[in-house]
Amino acid sequence: MTDQAAAVQETPPRAITSVDEARDVIRMLDETITALVEVIEEEDRLVRAGKLADVARLSPTKTSHARRYLAGSLRLRDSLPRLRGELGGELSVVKARHAAFQDRLQSNLTALATAHAVSEDIVRGVAGELTRTASPQTYGASGRTPMPDPRHVRPLAVSRTL
């Protein structure tokens, strides 16, 4: 965990003191969810297009929005028992929006995990092929090709900056 993330977790969210402040937090959460969904959709589009360097450039924006969303959600959650009666139907709208956002976020995380797994499989395949071609293609005493000798393994270097 980074020092900044630890500091965010250690600092308790400031309590909401009025209904107007709660409505401001709800409005900020709506704006943040909208901004996060836009970033997530752009990220999905770029992953599908294979533009991973551009995806990496979205990370600071996504992180900033996510922190803002988390802080607002925690403030609202901690103040709910006191404000529940005064906010009434507004809370059901917030919960529905939050649930829809969670579904969208889960779909994004699944897409990113799939892209990661596919790229990892490709790298492992290339490394295996390099090892296979570097090994002598002979038969062993059992009549099968032996496992590649570690002395014939070639290192594979991958640039993580695209």
C-alpha atoms as a PDB file:
ATOM      1  CA  MET A   1       0.000   0.000   0.000  1.00  0.00           C
ATOM      2  CA  THR A   2       1.366   3.432  -0.849  1.00  0.00           C
ATOM      3  CA  ASP A   3       1.896   6.093   1.803  1.00  0.00           C
ATOM      4  CA  GLN A   4      -0.792   8.233   0.201  1.00  0.00           C
ATOM      5  CA  ALA A   5      -3.339   5.387   0.222  1.00  0.00           C
ATOM      6  CA  ALA A   6      -2.493   4.628   3.843  1.00  0.00           C
ATOM      7  CA  ALA A   7      -3.018   8.281   4.762  1.00  0.00           C
ATOM      8  CA  VAL A   8      -6.430   8.270   3.069  1.00  0.00           C
ATOM      9  CA  GLN A   9      -7.445   5.150   5.028  1.00  0.00           C
ATOM     10  CA  GLU A  10      -6.190   6.491   8.357  1.00  0.00           C
ATOM     11  CA  THR A  11      -7.985   9.820   8.075  1.00  0.00           C
ATOM     12  CA  PRO A  12     -11.641   9.407   9.025  1.00  0.00           C
ATOM     13  CA  PRO A  13     -14.041  11.105   6.629  1.00  0.00           C
ATOM     14  CA  ARG A  14     -15.469  14.417   7.800  1.00  0.00           C
ATOM     15  CA  ALA A  15     -19.035  13.988   9.009  1.00  0.00           C
ATOM     16  CA  ILE A  16     -21.919  15.509   7.066  1.00  0.00           C
ATOM     17  CA  THR A  17     -23.583  18.053   9.321  1.00  0.00           C
ATOM     18  CA  SER A  18     -26.685  19.096   7.361  1.00  0.00           C
ATOM     19  CA  VAL A  19     -29.141  17.899   4.754  1.00  0.00           C
ATOM     20  CA  ASP A  20     -27.869  20.533   2.326  1.00  0.00           C
ATOM     21  CA  GLU A  21     -24.320  19.259   2.759  1.00  0.00           C
ATOM     22  CA  ALA A  22     -25.592  15.699   2.185  1.00  0.00           C
ATOM     23  CA  ARG A  23     -27.259  16.815  -1.036  1.00  0.00           C
ATOM     24  CA  ASP A  24     -23.985  18.445  -2.105  1.00  0.00           C
ATOM     25  CA  VAL A  25     -22.150  15.176  -1.427  1.00  0.00           C
ATOM     26  CA  ILE A  26     -24.808  13.252  -3.389  1.00  0.00           C
ATOM     27  CA  ARG A  27     -24.433  15.689  -6.298  1.00  0.00           C
ATOM     28  CA  MET A  28     -20.637  15.329  -6.146  1.00  0.00           C
ATOM     29  CA  LEU A  29     -20.991  11.530  -6.128  1.00  0.00           C
ATOM     30  CA  ASP A  30     -23.239  11.688  -9.208  1.00  0.00           C
ATOM     31  CA  GLU A  31     -20.702  13.872 -11.021  1.00  0.00           C
ATOM     32  CA  THR A  32     -17.850  11.601  -9.966  1.00  0.00           C
ATOM     33  CA  ILE A  33     -19.680   8.460 -11.074  1.00  0.00           C
ATOM     34  CA  THR A  34     -20.366  10.082 -14.449  1.00  0.00           C
ATOM     35  CA  ALA A  35     -16.685  11.040 -14.804  1.00  0.00           C
ATOM     36  CA  LEU A  36     -15.526   7.566 -13.746  1.00  0.00           C
ATOM     37  CA  VAL A  37     -17.871   5.850 -16.191  1.00  0.00           C
ATOM     38  CA  GLU A  38     -16.497   8.047 -18.999  1.00  0.00           C
ATOM     39  CA  VAL A  39     -12.918   7.108 -18.061  1.00  0.00           C
ATOM     40  CA  ILE A  40     -13.842   3.420 -17.785  1.00  0.00           C
ATOM     41  CA  GLU A  41     -15.547   3.432 -21.188  1.00  0.00           C
ATOM     42  CA  GLU A  42     -12.535   5.130 -22.749  1.00  0.00           C
ATOM     43  CA  GLU A  43     -10.265   2.596 -21.061  1.00  0.00           C
ATOM     44  CA  ASP A  44     -12.358  -0.292 -22.409  1.00  0.00           C
ATOM     45  CA  ARG A  45     -12.285   1.205 -25.906  1.00  0.00           C
ATOM     46  CA  LEU A  46      -8.501   1.610 -25.797  1.00  0.00           C
ATOM     47  CA  VAL A  47      -7.947  -1.928 -24.459  1.00  0.00           C
ATOM     48  CA  ARG A  48     -10.058  -3.352 -27.286  1.00  0.00           C
ATOM     49  CA  ALA A  49      -8.022  -1.311 -29.765  1.00  0.00           C
ATOM     50  CA  GLY A  50      -4.760  -2.545 -28.213  1.00  0.00           C
ATOM     51  CA  LYS A  51      -3.592   0.953 -27.270  1.00  0.00           C
ATOM     52  CA  LEU A  52      -2.205   0.024 -23.880  1.00  0.00           C
ATOM     53  CA  ALA A  53       0.083   3.028 -23.585  1.00  0.00           C
ATOM     54  CA  ASP A  54      -2.953   5.280 -23.842  1.00  0.00           C
ATOM     55  CA  VAL A  55      -4.713   3.180 -21.195  1.00  0.00           C
ATOM     56  CA  ALA A  56      -1.800   3.771 -18.818  1.00  0.00           C
ATOM     57  CA  ARG A  57      -2.156   7.529 -19.315  1.00  0.00           C
ATOM     58  CA  LEU A  58      -5.739   7.328 -18.012  1.00  0.00           C
ATOM     59  CA  SER A  59      -4.617   5.848 -14.702  1.00  0.00           C
ATOM     60  CA  PRO A  60      -3.978   9.114 -12.785  1.00  0.00           C
ATOM     61  CA  THR A  61      -7.383  10.479 -13.811  1.00  0.00           C
ATOM     62  CA  LYS A  62      -9.128   7.245 -12.893  1.00  0.00           C
ATOM     63  CA  THR A  63      -7.329   7.116  -9.537  1.00  0.00           C
ATOM     64  CA  SER A  64      -8.238  10.716  -8.740  1.00  0.00           C
ATOM     65  CA  HIS A  65     -11.927  10.136  -9.499  1.00  0.00           C
ATOM     66  CA  ALA A  66     -11.904   6.862  -7.555  1.00  0.00           C
ATOM     67  CA  ARG A  67     -10.457   8.558  -4.464  1.00  0.00           C
ATOM     68  CA  ARG A  68     -13.049  11.296  -4.691  1.00  0.00           C
ATOM     69  CA  TYR A  69     -15.817   8.702  -5.060  1.00  0.00           C
ATOM     70  CA  LEU A  70     -14.538   6.682  -2.096  1.00  0.00           C
ATOM     71  CA  ALA A  71     -14.254   9.737   0.158  1.00  0.00           C
ATOM     72  CA  GLY A  72     -17.772  10.918  -0.703  1.00  0.00           C
ATOM     73  CA  SER A  73     -19.239   7.431  -0.301  1.00  0.00           C
ATOM     74  CA  LEU A  74     -17.659   7.019   3.120  1.00  0.00           C
ATOM     75  CA  ARG A  75     -18.915  10.413   4.261  1.00  0.00           C
ATOM     76  CA  LEU A  76     -22.444   9.612   3.122  1.00  0.00           C
ATOM     77  CA  ARG A  77     -22.379   6.102   4.567  1.00  0.00           C
ATOM     78  CA  ASP A  78     -21.225   7.304   7.984  1.00  0.00           C
ATOM     79  CA  SER A  79     -23.915   9.997   8.096  1.00  0.00           C
ATOM     80  CA  LEU A  80     -26.813   7.847   6.884  1.00  0.00           C
ATOM     81  CA  PRO A  81     -28.262   6.854  10.256  1.00  0.00           C
ATOM     82  CA  ARG A  82     -28.744  10.512  11.194  1.00  0.00           C
ATOM     83  CA  LEU A  83     -29.914  11.752   7.771  1.00  0.00           C
ATOM     84  CA  ARG A  84     -32.002   8.806   6.537  1.00  0.00           C
ATOM     85  CA  GLY A  85     -35.366  10.333   7.467  1.00  0.00           C
ATOM     86  CA  GLU A  86     -34.590  13.755   6.006  1.00  0.00           C
ATOM     87  CA  LEU A  87     -33.225  12.531   2.659  1.00  0.00           C
ATOM     88  CA  GLY A  88     -35.925   9.954   1.997  1.00  0.00           C
ATOM     89  CA  GLY A  89     -36.215   9.048  -1.697  1.00  0.00           C
ATOM     90  CA  GLU A  90     -32.893  10.646  -2.592  1.00  0.00           C
ATOM     91  CA  LEU A  91     -31.097   7.761  -0.889  1.00  0.00           C
ATOM     92  CA  SER A  92     -32.832   5.132  -3.027  1.00  0.00           C
ATOM     93  CA  VAL A  93     -31.680   7.004  -6.149  1.00  0.00           C
ATOM     94  CA  VAL A  94     -28.104   7.104  -4.799  1.00  0.00           C
ATOM     95  CA  LYS A  95     -28.202   3.374  -3.983  1.00  0.00           C
ATOM     96  CA  ALA A  96     -29.521   2.503  -7.454  1.00  0.00           C
ATOM     97  CA  ARG A  97     -26.853   4.640  -9.127  1.00  0.00           C
ATOM     98  CA  HIS A  98     -24.177   3.087  -6.913  1.00  0.00           C
ATOM     99  CA  ALA A  99     -25.361  -0.457  -7.776  1.00  0.00           C
ATOM    100  CA  ALA A 100     -25.359   0.320 -11.515  1.00  0.00           C
ATOM    101  CA  PHE A 101     -21.873   1.797 -11.198  1.00  0.00           C
ATOM    102  CA  GLN A 102     -20.633  -1.280  -9.330  1.00  0.00           C
ATOM    103  CA  ASP A 103     -21.928  -3.492 -12.165  1.00  0.00           C
ATOM    104  CA  ARG A 104     -20.171  -1.311 -14.757  1.00  0.00           C
ATOM    105  CA  LEU A 105     -16.977  -1.335 -12.718  1.00  0.00           C
ATOM    106  CA  GLN A 106     -17.073  -5.130 -12.416  1.00  0.00           C
ATOM    107  CA  SER A 107     -17.409  -5.425 -16.180  1.00  0.00           C
ATOM    108  CA  ASN A 108     -14.405  -3.109 -16.621  1.00  0.00           C
ATOM    109  CA  LEU A 109     -12.306  -5.105 -14.166  1.00  0.00           C
ATOM    110  CA  THR A 110     -13.213  -8.314 -15.989  1.00  0.00           C
ATOM    111  CA  ALA A 111     -12.147  -6.803 -19.322  1.00  0.00           C
ATOM    112  CA  LEU A 112      -8.839  -5.619 -17.854  1.00  0.00           C
ATOM    113  CA  ALA A 113      -8.166  -9.003 -16.238  1.00  0.00           C
ATOM    114  CA  THR A 114      -8.889 -10.727 -19.545  1.00  0.00           C
ATOM    115  CA  ALA A 115      -6.535  -8.405 -21.424  1.00  0.00           C
ATOM    116  CA  HIS A 116      -3.859  -9.036 -18.801  1.00  0.00           C
ATOM    117  CA  ALA A 117      -4.298 -12.811 -19.020  1.00  0.00           C
ATOM    118  CA  VAL A 118      -4.182 -12.782 -22.819  1.00  0.00           C
ATOM    119  CA  SER A 119      -1.041 -10.664 -22.921  1.00  0.00           C
ATOM    120  CA  GLU A 120       0.586 -12.869 -20.289  1.00  0.00           C
ATOM    121  CA  ASP A 121      -0.263 -15.972 -22.322  1.00  0.00           C
ATOM    122  CA  ILE A 122       1.273 -14.387 -25.410  1.00  0.00           C
ATOM    123  CA  VAL A 123       4.501 -13.569 -23.563  1.00  0.00           C
ATOM    124  CA  ARG A 124       4.660 -17.069 -22.069  1.00  0.00           C
ATOM    125  CA  GLY A 125       4.050 -18.553 -25.523  1.00  0.00           C
ATOM    126  CA  VAL A 126       6.857 -16.498 -27.056  1.00  0.00           C
ATOM    127  CA  ALA A 127       9.210 -17.455 -24.218  1.00  0.00           C
ATOM    128  CA  GLY A 128       8.287 -21.142 -24.616  1.00  0.00           C
ATOM    129  CA  GLU A 129       8.829 -21.005 -28.356  1.00  0.00           C
ATOM    130  CA  LEU A 130      12.223 -19.345 -27.897  1.00  0.00           C
ATOM    131  CA  THR A 131      13.196 -22.063 -25.429  1.00  0.00           C
ATOM    132  CA  ARG A 132      11.932 -24.824 -27.729  1.00  0.00           C
ATOM    133  CA  THR A 133      13.841 -23.524 -30.750  1.00  0.00           C
ATOM    134  CA  ALA A 134      17.012 -23.035 -28.704  1.00  0.00           C
ATOM    135  CA  SER A 135      16.973 -26.652 -27.485  1.00  0.00           C
ATOM    136  CA  PRO A 136      18.419 -29.443 -29.597  1.00  0.00           C
ATOM    137  CA  GLN A 137      15.644 -31.345 -31.413  1.00  0.00           C
ATOM    138  CA  THR A 138      16.699 -34.897 -30.594  1.00  0.00           C
ATOM    139  CA  TYR A 139      15.081 -37.937 -29.004  1.00  0.00           C
ATOM    140  CA  GLY A 140      15.996 -39.125 -25.544  1.00  0.00           C
ATOM    141  CA  ALA A 141      16.450 -42.692 -24.298  1.00  0.00           C
ATOM    142  CA  SER A 142      12.686 -43.011 -23.811  1.00  0.00           C
ATOM    143  CA  GLY A 143      11.996 -42.136 -27.445  1.00  0.00           C
ATOM    144  CA  ARG A 144      10.588 -38.742 -26.595  1.00  0.00           C
ATOM    145  CA  THR A 145      12.080 -35.312 -26.887  1.00  0.00           C
ATOM    146  CA  PRO A 146      13.622 -34.375 -23.541  1.00  0.00           C
ATOM    147  CA  MET A 147      12.650 -31.326 -21.498  1.00  0.00           C
ATOM    148  CA  PRO A 148      14.662 -28.265 -22.533  1.00  0.00           C
ATOM    149  CA  ASP A 149      17.970 -27.987 -20.786  1.00  0.00           C
ATOM    150  CA  PRO A 150      18.117 -24.836 -18.634  1.00  0.00           C
ATOM    151  CA  ARG A 151      21.478 -24.048 -20.224  1.00  0.00           C
ATOM    152  CA  HIS A 152      19.728 -23.505 -23.565  1.00  0.00           C
ATOM    153  CA  VAL A 153      17.048 -21.156 -22.232  1.00  0.00           C
ATOM    154  CA  ARG A 154      17.300 -17.663 -23.669  1.00  0.00           C
ATOM    155  CA  PRO A 155      16.163 -14.742 -21.554  1.00  0.00           C
ATOM    156  CA  LEU A 156      13.186 -12.786 -22.791  1.00  0.00           C
ATOM    157  CA  ALA A 157      13.156  -9.056 -22.206  1.00  0.00           C
ATOM    158  CA  VAL A 158       9.866  -7.182 -22.323  1.00  0.00           C
ATOM    159  CA  SER A 159       9.525  -3.428 -22.264  1.00  0.00           C
ATOM    160  CA  ARG A 160       6.680  -2.441 -19.940  1.00  0.00           C
ATOM    161  CA  THR A 161       6.587   1.064 -21.365  1.00  0.00           C
ATOM    162  CA  LEU A 162       4.868   1.070 -24.689  1.00  0.00           C
END
